[in-house]
Amino acid sequence: MNKVFASAQAALADIVKDGQTLAVGGFGLCGIPEALIAALRDSGVKNLTAISNNAGVDGFGLGQLLTTRQIKKMISSYVGENKEFERQYLAGELELEFTPQGTLAEKLRAGGCGIPAFFTKTGYGTLVAEGKETREFDGEHYVMERSLVADVALVKAWKADKAGNLVYRKTARNFNPVCAMSGRITVVEVEEIVEIGALDPENVHTPGIYVHRIVHNPTPEKRIEQRTIRQA
């Protein structure tokens, strides 16, 4: 099975549809699948639910899909860098499901492992727990969280072999491995593609069993969200 597609557009053409739930890797602008997000924007699909730590920034990352009004709901941990997100949410034009960051990661991981729900102490006794089942274990209180499974996952990795085994680079790993696990169909954008057998199995971060399609983008922009330097 050939997992390598000629372009991001080709990789998404027959799998993205209106009303889908998508998991998108990245943290801020670090480790986001830039070409796949742009191809998703150009596809014109709408009424999407996006699972992502954040919503990019105005005009870049998932912020592009907010500008074109293709996202109807975000399941996120942090959204504070996007003015259009704020405007749509406060105007009642965008649904938002806030999820603690660690809980969001575990929801995606559990979904990829076939675990339908789990209990966590995080959020117990707060708004996060409203309407959810709670239970006591060994004198401690927990809230039950449902796992997340996406119709399509869009992931960024540094390197892949042609079987889809992935290696991430440093902090760009972030949410990408759990997003890859959670997708019924997972599409990965990489900077380098190597032959099968070229990767040391001990260094593989995501096994190819989770990856269905690969897109080569050797020169991503890698925009920096906030640059902080010390004075000379």
Protein backbone atom coordinates (compact mmCIF):
# COMPACT_ATOMS: atom_id res chain seq x y z
CA MET A 1 0.00 0.00 0.00
CA ASN A 2 1.44 3.36 -1.06
CA LYS A 3 0.85 5.90 1.72
CA VAL A 4 2.68 8.81 0.03
CA PHE A 5 0.45 11.32 -1.78
CA ALA A 6 1.57 13.93 -4.28
CA SER A 7 0.13 16.89 -2.36
CA ALA A 8 -1.86 17.87 0.69
CA GLN A 9 -4.84 18.56 -1.55
CA ALA A 10 -4.67 15.06 -3.05
CA ALA A 11 -4.37 13.46 0.38
CA LEU A 12 -7.54 15.16 1.66
CA ALA A 13 -9.66 15.22 -1.49
CA ASP A 14 -11.73 12.07 -0.94
CA ILE A 15 -11.81 11.94 2.87
CA VAL A 16 -12.83 15.37 4.22
CA LYS A 17 -16.54 16.19 4.32
CA ASP A 18 -18.88 18.73 5.87
CA GLY A 19 -19.71 18.15 9.51
CA GLN A 20 -16.69 16.02 10.37
CA THR A 21 -14.65 16.01 13.56
CA LEU A 22 -10.93 16.61 13.00
CA ALA A 23 -8.01 16.29 15.41
CA VAL A 24 -5.18 18.67 14.54
CA GLY A 25 -1.70 18.45 16.06
CA GLY A 26 0.37 21.36 17.29
CA PHE A 27 0.87 23.62 20.28
CA GLY A 28 0.55 27.29 19.48
CA LEU A 29 2.19 27.41 16.06
CA CYS A 30 4.78 24.76 16.96
CA GLY A 31 4.35 21.46 15.16
CA ILE A 32 1.23 22.37 13.20
CA PRO A 33 0.55 20.66 9.83
CA GLU A 34 0.72 23.88 7.80
CA ALA A 35 0.16 22.44 4.32
CA LEU A 36 -2.70 20.19 5.46
CA ILE A 37 -4.49 23.07 7.20
CA ALA A 38 -4.17 25.19 4.06
CA ALA A 39 -5.50 22.32 1.93
CA LEU A 40 -8.41 21.86 4.34
CA ARG A 41 -9.20 25.56 3.99
CA ASP A 42 -9.08 25.35 0.20
CA SER A 43 -11.33 22.27 0.18
CA GLY A 44 -14.24 24.43 1.35
CA VAL A 45 -15.64 21.85 3.79
CA LYS A 46 -17.63 23.45 6.60
CA ASN A 47 -19.42 22.84 9.91
CA LEU A 48 -16.28 21.20 11.28
CA THR A 49 -15.53 20.31 14.88
CA ALA A 50 -11.82 20.85 15.49
CA ILE A 51 -10.00 19.14 18.36
CA SER A 52 -6.79 21.04 18.96
CA ASN A 53 -4.90 22.46 21.90
CA ASN A 54 -5.52 25.94 20.49
CA ALA A 55 -6.92 27.68 17.42
CA GLY A 56 -3.74 29.10 15.93
CA VAL A 57 -3.52 32.85 15.47
CA ASP A 58 -5.40 35.27 13.23
CA GLY A 59 -4.64 34.30 9.64
CA PHE A 60 -2.39 31.31 10.35
CA GLY A 61 -2.85 27.76 11.54
CA LEU A 62 -6.45 26.94 12.39
CA GLY A 63 -7.06 30.69 12.50
CA GLN A 64 -7.43 30.48 8.72
CA LEU A 65 -10.44 28.19 9.10
CA LEU A 66 -12.03 30.57 11.57
CA THR A 67 -11.65 33.41 9.08
CA THR A 68 -13.44 31.37 6.42
CA ARG A 69 -16.08 30.24 8.96
CA GLN A 70 -15.43 26.55 8.32
CA ILE A 71 -15.23 25.62 12.02
CA LYS A 72 -18.45 25.48 14.02
CA LYS A 73 -16.99 24.06 17.26
CA MET A 74 -13.58 23.96 18.96
CA ILE A 75 -12.53 21.42 21.60
CA SER A 76 -9.47 23.12 23.06
CA SER A 77 -7.38 23.99 26.09
CA TYR A 78 -6.19 27.49 25.21
CA VAL A 79 -7.53 30.02 22.72
CA GLY A 80 -6.15 33.33 23.92
CA GLU A 81 -4.07 34.36 20.89
CA ASN A 82 -6.86 34.64 18.34
CA LYS A 83 -9.02 37.77 18.15
CA GLU A 84 -11.36 36.30 15.53
CA PHE A 85 -11.92 33.31 17.80
CA GLU A 86 -12.84 35.69 20.63
CA ARG A 87 -15.18 37.67 18.41
CA GLN A 88 -17.02 34.61 17.10
CA TYR A 89 -17.32 33.02 20.53
CA LEU A 90 -18.62 36.13 22.27
CA ALA A 91 -21.08 36.68 19.41
CA GLY A 92 -22.43 33.16 19.80
CA GLU A 93 -21.19 32.13 16.36
CA LEU A 94 -18.71 29.48 17.58
CA GLU A 95 -19.18 26.63 20.05
CA LEU A 96 -16.38 25.99 22.53
CA GLU A 97 -15.70 23.00 24.75
CA PHE A 98 -12.91 23.90 27.15
CA THR A 99 -10.86 20.92 28.31
CA PRO A 100 -7.89 20.89 30.72
CA GLN A 101 -4.73 20.30 28.72
CA GLY A 102 -3.72 16.98 30.24
CA THR A 103 -7.29 15.74 30.04
CA LEU A 104 -7.43 16.68 26.35
CA ALA A 105 -4.26 14.70 25.66
CA GLU A 106 -5.63 11.69 27.54
CA LYS A 107 -8.99 11.92 25.74
CA LEU A 108 -7.16 11.60 22.41
CA ARG A 109 -4.82 8.86 23.61
CA ALA A 110 -7.69 6.87 25.13
CA GLY A 111 -9.72 7.22 21.94
CA GLY A 112 -6.83 5.79 19.96
CA CYS A 113 -6.55 2.87 22.39
CA GLY A 114 -10.24 1.99 22.21
CA ILE A 115 -10.93 3.18 25.77
CA PRO A 116 -14.36 4.88 25.78
CA ALA A 117 -13.95 6.83 29.03
CA PHE A 118 -11.70 7.30 32.07
CA PHE A 119 -11.75 8.95 35.50
CA THR A 120 -9.56 11.91 36.46
CA LYS A 121 -9.30 14.19 39.49
CA THR A 122 -8.78 17.20 37.22
CA GLY A 123 -11.83 19.45 37.16
CA TYR A 124 -13.73 17.77 39.97
CA GLY A 125 -15.89 20.30 41.79
CA THR A 126 -15.58 22.89 38.99
CA LEU A 127 -17.57 23.87 35.90
CA VAL A 128 -15.60 21.24 34.00
CA ALA A 129 -17.44 18.50 35.91
CA GLU A 130 -20.97 19.84 35.43
CA GLY A 131 -23.28 17.21 33.95
CA LYS A 132 -20.63 14.48 34.14
CA GLU A 133 -20.55 11.32 36.22
CA THR A 134 -18.38 11.51 39.34
CA ARG A 135 -17.15 8.69 41.54
CA GLU A 136 -15.10 8.16 44.67
CA PHE A 137 -12.04 5.90 44.70
CA ASP A 138 -10.02 5.36 47.89
CA GLY A 139 -11.42 8.51 49.45
CA GLU A 140 -10.65 10.73 46.44
CA HIS A 141 -13.22 12.20 44.04
CA TYR A 142 -12.97 11.83 40.28
CA VAL A 143 -14.91 12.98 37.21
CA MET A 144 -15.53 10.74 34.22
CA GLU A 145 -14.36 12.02 30.85
CA ARG A 146 -15.34 10.53 27.50
CA SER A 147 -12.52 9.83 25.07
CA LEU A 148 -12.23 11.47 21.65
CA VAL A 149 -12.10 9.79 18.24
CA ALA A 150 -11.74 11.97 15.14
CA ASP A 151 -13.00 11.24 11.64
CA VAL A 152 -9.70 12.60 10.31
CA ALA A 153 -6.47 13.50 12.12
CA LEU A 154 -4.01 16.01 10.64
CA VAL A 155 -0.53 15.55 12.05
CA LYS A 156 2.93 17.10 11.62
CA ALA A 157 6.09 15.02 12.01
CA TRP A 158 9.70 15.65 11.12
CA LYS A 159 10.45 12.40 9.31
CA ALA A 160 8.57 9.34 8.06
CA ASP A 161 9.47 6.18 6.25
CA LYS A 162 7.19 5.02 3.44
CA ALA A 163 5.33 2.71 5.84
CA GLY A 164 4.30 5.72 7.93
CA ASN A 165 6.57 5.23 10.93
CA LEU A 166 7.09 8.71 12.37
CA VAL A 167 9.80 10.66 14.15
CA TYR A 168 9.03 14.08 15.66
CA ARG A 169 11.56 16.80 16.36
CA LYS A 170 11.86 18.10 19.92
CA THR A 171 8.91 20.17 21.20
CA ALA A 172 7.14 19.89 17.84
CA ARG A 173 6.06 16.45 19.03
CA ASN A 174 3.53 17.96 21.50
CA PHE A 175 -0.05 16.81 20.70
CA ASN A 176 0.84 15.14 17.39
CA PRO A 177 1.30 11.53 18.63
CA VAL A 178 -2.06 11.41 20.41
CA CYS A 179 -3.81 13.10 17.48
CA ALA A 180 -2.34 10.46 15.19
CA MET A 181 -3.73 7.73 17.45
CA SER A 182 -7.22 9.24 17.61
CA GLY A 183 -7.96 9.53 13.89
CA ARG A 184 -10.00 6.97 12.00
CA ILE A 185 -7.95 8.25 9.06
CA THR A 186 -4.64 9.92 9.89
CA VAL A 187 -2.83 12.14 7.39
CA VAL A 188 0.71 13.19 8.23
CA GLU A 189 2.76 16.06 6.84
CA VAL A 190 6.53 15.50 7.05
CA GLU A 191 9.70 17.31 6.10
CA GLU A 192 11.58 14.18 5.05
CA ILE A 193 10.54 10.78 3.69
CA VAL A 194 12.99 7.86 3.86
CA GLU A 195 12.90 4.26 2.71
CA ILE A 196 11.47 1.51 4.87
CA GLY A 197 14.21 0.25 7.18
CA ALA A 198 16.09 3.56 7.29
CA LEU A 199 14.67 4.49 10.71
CA ASP A 200 16.02 2.87 13.84
CA PRO A 201 12.97 1.12 15.36
CA GLU A 202 14.07 2.34 18.79
CA ASN A 203 13.67 5.94 17.59
CA VAL A 204 10.17 5.65 16.12
CA HIS A 205 7.69 7.77 18.06
CA THR A 206 4.46 6.80 16.23
CA PRO A 207 4.20 3.37 14.56
CA GLY A 208 3.01 3.30 10.97
CA ILE A 209 -0.10 1.32 11.92
CA TYR A 210 -1.67 4.66 12.94
CA VAL A 211 -0.77 6.43 9.68
CA HIS A 212 -2.82 6.14 6.49
CA ARG A 213 -1.49 8.94 4.26
CA ILE A 214 1.76 10.91 4.04
CA VAL A 215 2.40 14.33 2.48
CA HIS A 216 5.88 15.71 1.84
CA ASN A 217 6.39 19.38 2.78
CA PRO A 218 10.17 19.93 2.94
CA THR A 219 10.02 23.69 3.58
CA PRO A 220 7.30 24.58 6.10
CA GLU A 221 7.17 28.19 7.19
CA LYS A 222 7.40 27.38 10.94
CA ARG A 223 6.14 30.79 11.96
CA ILE A 224 7.01 31.86 15.53
CA GLU A 225 4.01 32.90 17.60
CA GLN A 226 5.82 35.06 20.13
CA ARG A 227 9.52 35.79 20.02
CA THR A 228 11.10 36.85 23.32
CA ILE A 229 14.76 37.85 23.45
CA ARG A 230 16.90 39.55 26.05
CA GLN A 231 18.06 43.10 25.50
CA ALA A 232 21.55 43.55 24.08
